[in-house]
Amino acid sequence: MRGMKILAIETSCDETAIAVLSFSGAKKAPRVRILASMVSSQAALHAPFGGVVPNLAKREHQKNLVPIFLELMAQLNPIPSQKEKSAAHNPSAFEKQITRIFVHEPELLSLFNAHIRTLPRPDIDAIAVTNGPGLAPALWVGVNFARALSVLWHIPLMPVNHMAGHLYSPLLKKDVEHKTRRLHAIKFPALALLVSGGHTELVLVRGYGKYKIIGETLDDAAGEAFDKVARILDLGYPGGPVIAAIAEMKSKIKNLKLKISLPRPMIHSKKYNFSFSG
């Protein structure tokens, strides 16, 4: 790969994120350079509810995607001239296709038509978008935005399982000399433990793109358990960081004795699943 550039879009939960990355080197051990990255968090919006409200998350993604995208493009290139602007080959057919794509996101359609349609095609080779797992209303907003960009600029679209992103991201090590990140080679087969806000999984990785889930939570994910505990104790949202901070503080108190005995479920189970509910 020689300087392949990918536009990445993520709306699986309560963060609207867009980035442009450049890839070079061997496919199995590429060098990755983050050319631009924007993240908008909805944590403050969902805090009063003690967790993410799917329809509110969808609404915020609709509002945030276009402004974030425009700011991201401004980081990459100067404002283009009118001559460079994109035009659909068949305006009538294009109009119908874009309207169909955004049939459930009218606000995003309006913003797209007002601000995106006249932009020039950027120097991007492909568009990657999270297509799962996650909150369905939130996911569809990002997927449809990516579909519309793909149609507008005739750029290939790649759906991505974002749990694979969680799997590989710890292996991206900083390369100070080249100012990039290098994906360290993996010796297969490998076992991956994935612990995110909504997922807890053990995955057998036989090769790149070859995954088998051999264990997962039967109820709540670990992150959801933290949020529920924080809500019960009135600690705020998200629960993980505040609980971690309290645990760190308590660990420094000498002779602290805790007399709380928590249940240990499934210790006699012969399967590799988890349970955090209760």
Protein backbone atom coordinates (compact mmCIF):
# COMPACT_ATOMS: atom_id res chain seq x y z
CA MET A 1 0.00 0.00 0.00
CA ARG A 2 1.36 3.42 -0.98
CA GLY A 3 -0.31 6.26 0.87
CA MET A 4 -3.83 4.82 0.80
CA LYS A 5 -6.21 7.27 2.51
CA ILE A 6 -9.36 6.16 4.30
CA LEU A 7 -12.17 8.30 5.69
CA ALA A 8 -13.51 6.58 8.82
CA ILE A 9 -16.95 7.24 10.37
CA GLU A 10 -18.16 5.96 13.75
CA THR A 11 -21.63 6.44 15.30
CA SER A 12 -22.23 3.16 17.13
CA CYS A 13 -23.16 4.71 20.49
CA ASP A 14 -22.80 8.15 22.06
CA GLU A 15 -19.81 9.57 20.21
CA THR A 16 -19.78 11.03 16.72
CA ALA A 17 -16.30 10.42 15.34
CA ILE A 18 -14.70 11.01 11.94
CA ALA A 19 -11.07 10.62 10.94
CA VAL A 20 -8.86 10.47 7.88
CA LEU A 21 -5.96 8.04 8.01
CA SER A 22 -3.11 7.27 5.67
CA PHE A 23 -1.85 3.70 5.31
CA SER A 24 1.47 2.62 3.85
CA GLY A 25 3.73 -0.41 3.92
CA ALA A 26 2.77 -4.07 4.03
CA LYS A 27 -0.91 -4.96 4.43
CA LYS A 28 -0.26 -7.18 7.45
CA ALA A 29 1.96 -4.64 9.22
CA PRO A 30 1.01 -1.21 7.87
CA ARG A 31 2.14 2.18 9.04
CA VAL A 32 -0.83 4.31 10.03
CA ARG A 33 -0.81 8.09 10.15
CA ILE A 34 -3.78 10.01 11.54
CA LEU A 35 -4.13 12.99 9.22
CA ALA A 36 -7.16 14.47 10.99
CA SER A 37 -9.56 13.33 13.69
CA MET A 38 -12.70 14.77 15.27
CA VAL A 39 -14.77 13.35 18.15
CA SER A 40 -17.96 14.80 19.65
CA SER A 41 -19.08 13.23 22.93
CA GLN A 42 -22.70 13.04 24.09
CA ALA A 43 -21.84 12.09 27.69
CA ALA A 44 -23.30 15.29 29.17
CA LEU A 45 -26.55 14.79 27.25
CA HIS A 46 -27.08 11.24 28.55
CA ALA A 47 -25.78 11.86 32.08
CA PRO A 48 -29.22 12.72 33.59
CA PHE A 49 -30.50 9.30 32.43
CA GLY A 50 -27.55 7.29 33.77
CA GLY A 51 -27.01 5.69 30.36
CA VAL A 52 -27.32 6.19 26.63
CA VAL A 53 -30.81 6.89 25.26
CA PRO A 54 -30.83 5.52 21.67
CA ASN A 55 -33.21 8.06 20.12
CA LEU A 56 -31.36 10.98 21.70
CA ALA A 57 -28.09 9.54 20.42
CA LYS A 58 -29.55 9.31 16.91
CA ARG A 59 -30.71 12.93 17.03
CA GLU A 60 -27.29 14.17 18.12
CA HIS A 61 -25.51 12.20 15.39
CA GLN A 62 -27.80 13.80 12.81
CA LYS A 63 -26.94 17.25 14.14
CA ASN A 64 -23.22 16.67 14.58
CA LEU A 65 -22.05 14.68 11.54
CA VAL A 66 -22.02 17.48 8.97
CA PRO A 67 -20.39 20.18 11.19
CA ILE A 68 -17.74 17.72 12.34
CA PHE A 69 -17.10 16.56 8.79
CA LEU A 70 -16.70 20.14 7.54
CA GLU A 71 -14.27 20.95 10.34
CA LEU A 72 -12.32 17.78 9.55
CA MET A 73 -12.09 18.71 5.85
CA ALA A 74 -10.91 22.19 6.81
CA GLN A 75 -8.00 20.59 8.70
CA LEU A 76 -6.94 18.72 5.57
CA ASN A 77 -7.35 21.19 2.70
CA PRO A 78 -7.91 24.89 2.04
CA ILE A 79 -11.36 25.94 0.84
CA PRO A 80 -11.64 24.71 -2.79
CA SER A 81 -12.52 26.85 -5.77
CA GLN A 82 -15.90 26.59 -7.49
CA LYS A 83 -14.35 24.81 -10.48
CA GLU A 84 -13.31 21.86 -8.33
CA LYS A 85 -16.75 21.13 -6.99
CA SER A 86 -18.48 17.80 -7.51
CA ALA A 87 -21.47 17.23 -9.76
CA ALA A 88 -23.65 14.17 -10.13
CA HIS A 89 -23.74 12.56 -13.58
CA ASN A 90 -27.54 12.39 -13.48
CA PRO A 91 -28.87 15.06 -11.10
CA SER A 92 -32.44 13.71 -11.05
CA ALA A 93 -31.43 10.11 -10.33
CA PHE A 94 -28.86 11.29 -7.79
CA GLU A 95 -31.51 13.36 -6.00
CA LYS A 96 -33.82 10.37 -5.68
CA GLN A 97 -31.03 8.10 -4.45
CA ILE A 98 -29.87 10.55 -1.77
CA THR A 99 -33.47 11.13 -0.63
CA ARG A 100 -33.99 7.36 -0.32
CA ILE A 101 -30.79 6.98 1.71
CA PHE A 102 -31.86 9.64 4.20
CA VAL A 103 -35.54 8.72 4.33
CA HIS A 104 -35.33 8.31 8.14
CA GLU A 105 -32.89 11.18 8.72
CA PRO A 106 -34.59 14.30 7.28
CA GLU A 107 -32.47 16.70 9.34
CA LEU A 108 -29.29 15.08 8.08
CA LEU A 109 -30.62 15.20 4.49
CA SER A 110 -31.16 18.94 4.79
CA LEU A 111 -27.65 19.52 6.17
CA PHE A 112 -26.13 17.24 3.53
CA ASN A 113 -27.82 19.09 0.68
CA ALA A 114 -26.90 22.49 2.10
CA HIS A 115 -23.24 21.87 2.94
CA ILE A 116 -21.87 18.62 1.47
CA ARG A 117 -23.21 18.22 -2.05
CA THR A 118 -21.20 21.10 -3.49
CA LEU A 119 -17.90 20.06 -1.90
CA PRO A 120 -15.18 18.68 -4.17
CA ARG A 121 -14.20 15.06 -3.99
CA PRO A 122 -11.43 14.85 -1.39
CA ASP A 123 -8.20 12.91 -1.86
CA ILE A 124 -9.65 9.75 -0.30
CA ASP A 125 -9.48 6.18 -1.63
CA ALA A 126 -12.21 4.56 0.47
CA ILE A 127 -14.78 5.19 3.19
CA ALA A 128 -14.96 2.93 6.26
CA VAL A 129 -18.01 3.04 8.52
CA THR A 130 -19.07 1.15 11.63
CA ASN A 131 -22.02 -1.07 10.69
CA GLY A 132 -22.25 -2.89 14.02
CA PRO A 133 -22.50 -3.87 16.72
CA GLY A 134 -24.10 -0.95 18.52
CA LEU A 135 -27.34 0.98 18.95
CA ALA A 136 -29.34 0.51 15.75
CA PRO A 137 -30.75 4.09 15.53
CA ALA A 138 -27.28 5.54 16.04
CA LEU A 139 -25.57 3.13 13.64
CA TRP A 140 -27.95 3.88 10.78
CA VAL A 141 -27.13 7.60 10.88
CA GLY A 142 -23.42 6.98 10.28
CA VAL A 143 -24.03 4.22 7.73
CA ASN A 144 -26.39 6.38 5.68
CA PHE A 145 -24.05 9.38 5.82
CA ALA A 146 -21.23 7.17 4.54
CA ARG A 147 -23.48 5.73 1.81
CA ALA A 148 -24.38 9.22 0.64
CA LEU A 149 -20.73 10.29 0.49
CA SER A 150 -19.88 7.12 -1.43
CA VAL A 151 -22.61 7.86 -3.99
CA LEU A 152 -21.68 11.55 -4.25
CA TRP A 153 -17.97 10.99 -4.82
CA HIS A 154 -17.96 7.44 -6.33
CA ILE A 155 -15.69 6.19 -3.55
CA PRO A 156 -15.75 2.53 -2.38
CA LEU A 157 -17.57 1.93 0.91
CA MET A 158 -16.34 -0.59 3.51
CA PRO A 159 -18.56 -1.74 6.41
CA VAL A 160 -16.56 -2.41 9.56
CA ASN A 161 -17.35 -4.39 12.72
CA HIS A 162 -16.04 -1.99 15.35
CA MET A 163 -15.19 -4.82 17.74
CA ALA A 164 -12.43 -5.67 15.25
CA GLY A 165 -11.27 -2.10 15.79
CA HIS A 166 -11.11 -2.75 19.52
CA LEU A 167 -9.15 -5.91 18.78
CA TYR A 168 -6.45 -4.26 16.67
CA SER A 169 -6.14 -0.81 18.26
CA PRO A 170 -3.95 -1.95 21.22
CA LEU A 171 -1.49 -3.31 18.65
CA LEU A 172 -0.94 0.11 17.04
CA LYS A 173 2.36 1.18 18.57
CA LYS A 174 3.87 4.65 18.16
CA ASP A 175 6.76 4.93 15.72
CA VAL A 176 8.40 8.19 16.80
CA GLU A 177 10.97 8.14 13.99
CA HIS A 178 8.36 8.07 11.21
CA LYS A 179 5.65 9.93 13.19
CA THR A 180 3.21 7.09 12.55
CA ARG A 181 1.72 4.11 14.31
CA ARG A 182 2.79 0.62 13.30
CA LEU A 183 0.49 -2.39 13.53
CA HIS A 184 2.54 -5.07 15.21
CA ALA A 185 2.47 -8.44 13.55
CA ILE A 186 0.29 -11.03 15.30
CA LYS A 187 1.18 -14.67 15.78
CA PHE A 188 -1.94 -16.71 15.03
CA PRO A 189 -3.97 -18.25 16.48
CA ALA A 190 -4.53 -15.60 19.14
CA LEU A 191 -7.05 -15.06 21.92
CA ALA A 192 -8.56 -11.61 22.30
CA LEU A 193 -10.40 -10.26 25.34
CA LEU A 194 -12.71 -7.41 24.27
CA VAL A 195 -14.20 -5.28 27.04
CA SER A 196 -16.10 -2.19 25.91
CA GLY A 197 -19.12 -0.26 27.13
CA GLY A 198 -21.63 -2.62 25.57
CA HIS A 199 -19.65 -5.80 24.89
CA THR A 200 -17.58 -8.37 26.75
CA GLU A 201 -16.22 -11.13 24.51
CA LEU A 202 -13.53 -13.76 24.21
CA VAL A 203 -12.60 -14.11 20.54
CA LEU A 204 -10.47 -16.77 18.90
CA VAL A 205 -8.56 -15.05 16.10
CA ARG A 206 -7.31 -17.52 13.48
CA GLY A 207 -6.13 -14.82 11.08
CA TYR A 208 -6.92 -11.35 9.78
CA GLY A 209 -10.69 -11.21 9.45
CA LYS A 210 -11.10 -14.77 10.77
CA TYR A 211 -12.87 -14.53 14.14
CA LYS A 212 -14.88 -16.90 16.32
CA ILE A 213 -16.60 -15.73 19.50
CA ILE A 214 -16.00 -18.47 22.07
CA GLY A 215 -17.37 -16.60 25.08
CA GLU A 216 -19.51 -13.53 25.74
CA THR A 217 -21.67 -11.96 28.41
CA LEU A 218 -25.04 -13.59 28.92
CA ASP A 219 -26.61 -10.38 30.21
CA ASP A 220 -24.87 -7.05 30.90
CA ALA A 221 -21.47 -6.12 29.55
CA ALA A 222 -18.82 -5.03 32.04
CA GLY A 223 -19.23 -1.39 31.04
CA GLU A 224 -22.99 -1.56 31.53
CA ALA A 225 -22.43 -3.01 35.00
CA PHE A 226 -20.24 -0.01 35.90
CA ASP A 227 -22.91 2.39 34.67
CA LYS A 228 -25.65 0.64 36.65
CA VAL A 229 -23.58 0.64 39.85
CA ALA A 230 -22.75 4.32 39.38
CA ARG A 231 -26.44 5.09 38.87
CA ILE A 232 -27.41 3.21 42.06
CA LEU A 233 -24.73 5.04 44.05
CA ASP A 234 -25.55 8.38 42.40
CA LEU A 235 -22.00 8.78 41.10
CA GLY A 236 -22.93 10.14 37.67
CA TYR A 237 -22.36 8.95 34.11
CA PRO A 238 -20.28 7.37 32.67
CA GLY A 239 -19.71 5.05 35.60
CA GLY A 240 -16.38 3.46 34.71
CA PRO A 241 -14.05 6.45 35.19
CA VAL A 242 -15.56 7.60 38.50
CA ILE A 243 -15.62 4.09 39.97
CA ALA A 244 -12.00 3.58 38.87
CA ALA A 245 -11.00 6.86 40.52
CA ILE A 246 -12.69 5.88 43.80
CA ALA A 247 -11.07 2.43 43.70
CA GLU A 248 -7.67 4.03 43.15
CA MET A 249 -8.25 6.37 46.10
CA LYS A 250 -9.39 3.54 48.39
CA SER A 251 -6.38 1.41 47.45
CA LYS A 252 -4.08 4.08 48.93
CA ILE A 253 -5.78 4.06 52.34
CA LYS A 254 -3.77 1.93 54.76
CA ASN A 255 -5.47 -0.77 56.81
CA LEU A 256 -8.75 -0.27 54.96
CA LYS A 257 -11.00 -3.27 55.60
CA LEU A 258 -13.95 -3.96 53.33
CA LYS A 259 -16.51 -6.46 54.60
CA ILE A 260 -18.59 -6.68 51.44
CA SER A 261 -18.71 -10.11 49.82
CA LEU A 262 -19.83 -9.99 46.20
CA PRO A 263 -21.26 -13.04 44.40
CA ARG A 264 -19.06 -14.90 41.94
CA PRO A 265 -21.36 -16.30 39.27
CA MET A 266 -20.59 -19.15 36.87
CA ILE A 267 -17.38 -20.28 38.56
CA HIS A 268 -18.40 -23.89 37.96
CA SER A 269 -19.45 -23.33 34.35
CA LYS A 270 -17.45 -25.24 31.75
CA LYS A 271 -18.14 -22.59 29.12
CA TYR A 272 -16.27 -19.33 28.53
CA ASN A 273 -19.18 -16.95 29.02
CA PHE A 274 -19.54 -14.06 31.49
CA SER A 275 -22.37 -12.73 33.65
CA PHE A 276 -22.40 -9.31 35.30
CA SER A 277 -26.11 -8.78 35.93
CA GLY A 278 -27.04 -8.33 39.60
